[in-house]
Amino acid sequence: LYPEGRVSEVQRRQMTTAGEANVHALAITGNFDDCQAMVKAMFAHEAFRQRVQLAAVNSINWARILAQIVYFVAAAAALGAPS
């Protein structure tokens, strides 16, 4: 989700030109806080989340995503996650 008219043209194109069938970028009327509230509501609705296998990435920057993966794996390991 992104607020229509509130992102740069480059950002809009990065979000809307993904060719994968399971990737969707939706422009909404509102601001970034409205987008955040909608995402939180969708994730809070357990039946919906499971039915559509909802997942989200909060960045289109692969370097940032990779760093987040490392962070979460390290945190899980520190908390005793199985190998």
C-alpha atoms as a PDB file:
ATOM      1  CA  LEU A   1       0.000   0.000   0.000  1.00  0.00           C
ATOM      2  CA  TYR A   2       1.167   3.485  -0.716  1.00  0.00           C
ATOM      3  CA  PRO A   3      -0.523   6.878  -0.548  1.00  0.00           C
ATOM      4  CA  GLU A   4      -1.476   8.026  -4.028  1.00  0.00           C
ATOM      5  CA  GLY A   5       0.359  11.176  -5.047  1.00  0.00           C
ATOM      6  CA  ARG A   6       2.660  11.076  -2.029  1.00  0.00           C
ATOM      7  CA  VAL A   7       5.569   9.032  -3.379  1.00  0.00           C
ATOM      8  CA  SER A   8       8.061   9.961  -6.049  1.00  0.00           C
ATOM      9  CA  GLU A   9       7.589   8.729  -9.590  1.00  0.00           C
ATOM     10  CA  VAL A  10      10.640   6.485  -9.176  1.00  0.00           C
ATOM     11  CA  GLN A  11       9.188   4.932  -6.015  1.00  0.00           C
ATOM     12  CA  ARG A  12       5.796   4.462  -7.669  1.00  0.00           C
ATOM     13  CA  ARG A  13       7.367   2.694 -10.633  1.00  0.00           C
ATOM     14  CA  GLN A  14       9.469   0.458  -8.377  1.00  0.00           C
ATOM     15  CA  MET A  15       6.343  -0.607  -6.521  1.00  0.00           C
ATOM     16  CA  THR A  16       3.998  -0.992  -9.481  1.00  0.00           C
ATOM     17  CA  THR A  17       6.141  -2.710 -12.092  1.00  0.00           C
ATOM     18  CA  ALA A  18       6.866  -5.978 -10.278  1.00  0.00           C
ATOM     19  CA  GLY A  19       5.956  -8.796 -12.645  1.00  0.00           C
ATOM     20  CA  GLU A  20       5.275 -11.464 -10.031  1.00  0.00           C
ATOM     21  CA  ALA A  21       1.676 -12.654  -9.813  1.00  0.00           C
ATOM     22  CA  ASN A  22       1.728 -12.606  -6.004  1.00  0.00           C
ATOM     23  CA  VAL A  23       3.020  -9.026  -5.654  1.00  0.00           C
ATOM     24  CA  HIS A  24       0.493  -6.218  -5.509  1.00  0.00           C
ATOM     25  CA  ALA A  25       1.020  -2.502  -4.904  1.00  0.00           C
ATOM     26  CA  LEU A  26      -2.149  -0.568  -4.189  1.00  0.00           C
ATOM     27  CA  ALA A  27      -2.487   3.200  -4.146  1.00  0.00           C
ATOM     28  CA  ILE A  28      -4.867   4.492  -1.507  1.00  0.00           C
ATOM     29  CA  THR A  29      -6.399   7.859  -0.802  1.00  0.00           C
ATOM     30  CA  GLY A  30      -4.725   8.969   2.398  1.00  0.00           C
ATOM     31  CA  ASN A  31      -1.273   9.185   3.910  1.00  0.00           C
ATOM     32  CA  PHE A  32       1.415   6.804   5.127  1.00  0.00           C
ATOM     33  CA  ASP A  33      -0.293   6.471   8.517  1.00  0.00           C
ATOM     34  CA  ASP A  34      -3.477   5.346   6.763  1.00  0.00           C
ATOM     35  CA  CYS A  35      -1.480   2.709   4.874  1.00  0.00           C
ATOM     36  CA  GLN A  36       0.118   1.514   8.116  1.00  0.00           C
ATOM     37  CA  ALA A  37      -3.282   1.263   9.832  1.00  0.00           C
ATOM     38  CA  MET A  38      -4.695  -0.807   6.970  1.00  0.00           C
ATOM     39  CA  VAL A  39      -1.740  -3.201   7.008  1.00  0.00           C
ATOM     40  CA  LYS A  40      -1.954  -3.615  10.784  1.00  0.00           C
ATOM     41  CA  ALA A  41      -5.675  -4.341  10.523  1.00  0.00           C
ATOM     42  CA  MET A  42      -5.109  -6.989   7.847  1.00  0.00           C
ATOM     43  CA  PHE A  43      -2.411  -8.704   9.891  1.00  0.00           C
ATOM     44  CA  ALA A  44      -4.595  -8.576  13.022  1.00  0.00           C
ATOM     45  CA  HIS A  45      -7.405 -10.453  11.215  1.00  0.00           C
ATOM     46  CA  GLU A  46      -6.079 -13.985  11.705  1.00  0.00           C
ATOM     47  CA  ALA A  47      -8.549 -15.830   9.469  1.00  0.00           C
ATOM     48  CA  PHE A  48      -7.928 -13.433   6.578  1.00  0.00           C
ATOM     49  CA  ARG A  49      -4.166 -13.527   7.106  1.00  0.00           C
ATOM     50  CA  GLN A  50      -4.106 -17.324   6.979  1.00  0.00           C
ATOM     51  CA  ARG A  51      -6.568 -17.636   4.092  1.00  0.00           C
ATOM     52  CA  VAL A  52      -4.583 -15.379   1.774  1.00  0.00           C
ATOM     53  CA  GLN A  53      -1.170 -16.294   3.227  1.00  0.00           C
ATOM     54  CA  LEU A  54      -0.539 -12.626   3.863  1.00  0.00           C
ATOM     55  CA  ALA A  55       3.058 -11.467   3.917  1.00  0.00           C
ATOM     56  CA  ALA A  56       4.573  -8.031   3.671  1.00  0.00           C
ATOM     57  CA  VAL A  57       7.913  -6.442   3.008  1.00  0.00           C
ATOM     58  CA  ASN A  58       8.423  -2.934   4.270  1.00  0.00           C
ATOM     59  CA  SER A  59      11.061  -2.019   1.734  1.00  0.00           C
ATOM     60  CA  ILE A  60      11.785  -2.419  -1.943  1.00  0.00           C
ATOM     61  CA  ASN A  61      15.483  -2.052  -1.255  1.00  0.00           C
ATOM     62  CA  TRP A  62      17.054  -5.527  -1.384  1.00  0.00           C
ATOM     63  CA  ALA A  63      20.044  -4.458   0.722  1.00  0.00           C
ATOM     64  CA  ARG A  64      17.678  -3.398   3.482  1.00  0.00           C
ATOM     65  CA  ILE A  65      15.669  -6.617   3.213  1.00  0.00           C
ATOM     66  CA  LEU A  66      18.842  -8.727   3.415  1.00  0.00           C
ATOM     67  CA  ALA A  67      19.993  -6.821   6.485  1.00  0.00           C
ATOM     68  CA  GLN A  68      16.594  -7.382   8.098  1.00  0.00           C
ATOM     69  CA  ILE A  69      16.798 -11.117   7.368  1.00  0.00           C
ATOM     70  CA  VAL A  70      20.194 -11.327   9.048  1.00  0.00           C
ATOM     71  CA  TYR A  71      18.884  -9.363  12.024  1.00  0.00           C
ATOM     72  CA  PHE A  72      15.813 -11.584  12.473  1.00  0.00           C
ATOM     73  CA  VAL A  73      17.773 -14.836  12.087  1.00  0.00           C
ATOM     74  CA  ALA A  74      20.329 -13.626  14.643  1.00  0.00           C
ATOM     75  CA  ALA A  75      17.554 -12.597  17.028  1.00  0.00           C
ATOM     76  CA  ALA A  76      15.786 -15.941  16.615  1.00  0.00           C
ATOM     77  CA  ALA A  77      19.023 -17.829  17.243  1.00  0.00           C
ATOM     78  CA  ALA A  78      19.725 -15.729  20.331  1.00  0.00           C
ATOM     79  CA  LEU A  79      16.258 -16.585  21.633  1.00  0.00           C
ATOM     80  CA  GLY A  80      16.833 -20.324  21.133  1.00  0.00           C
ATOM     81  CA  ALA A  81      15.201 -21.019  17.776  1.00  0.00           C
ATOM     82  CA  PRO A  82      15.759 -24.556  16.490  1.00  0.00           C
ATOM     83  CA  SER A  83      18.648 -25.068  14.098  1.00  0.00           C
END
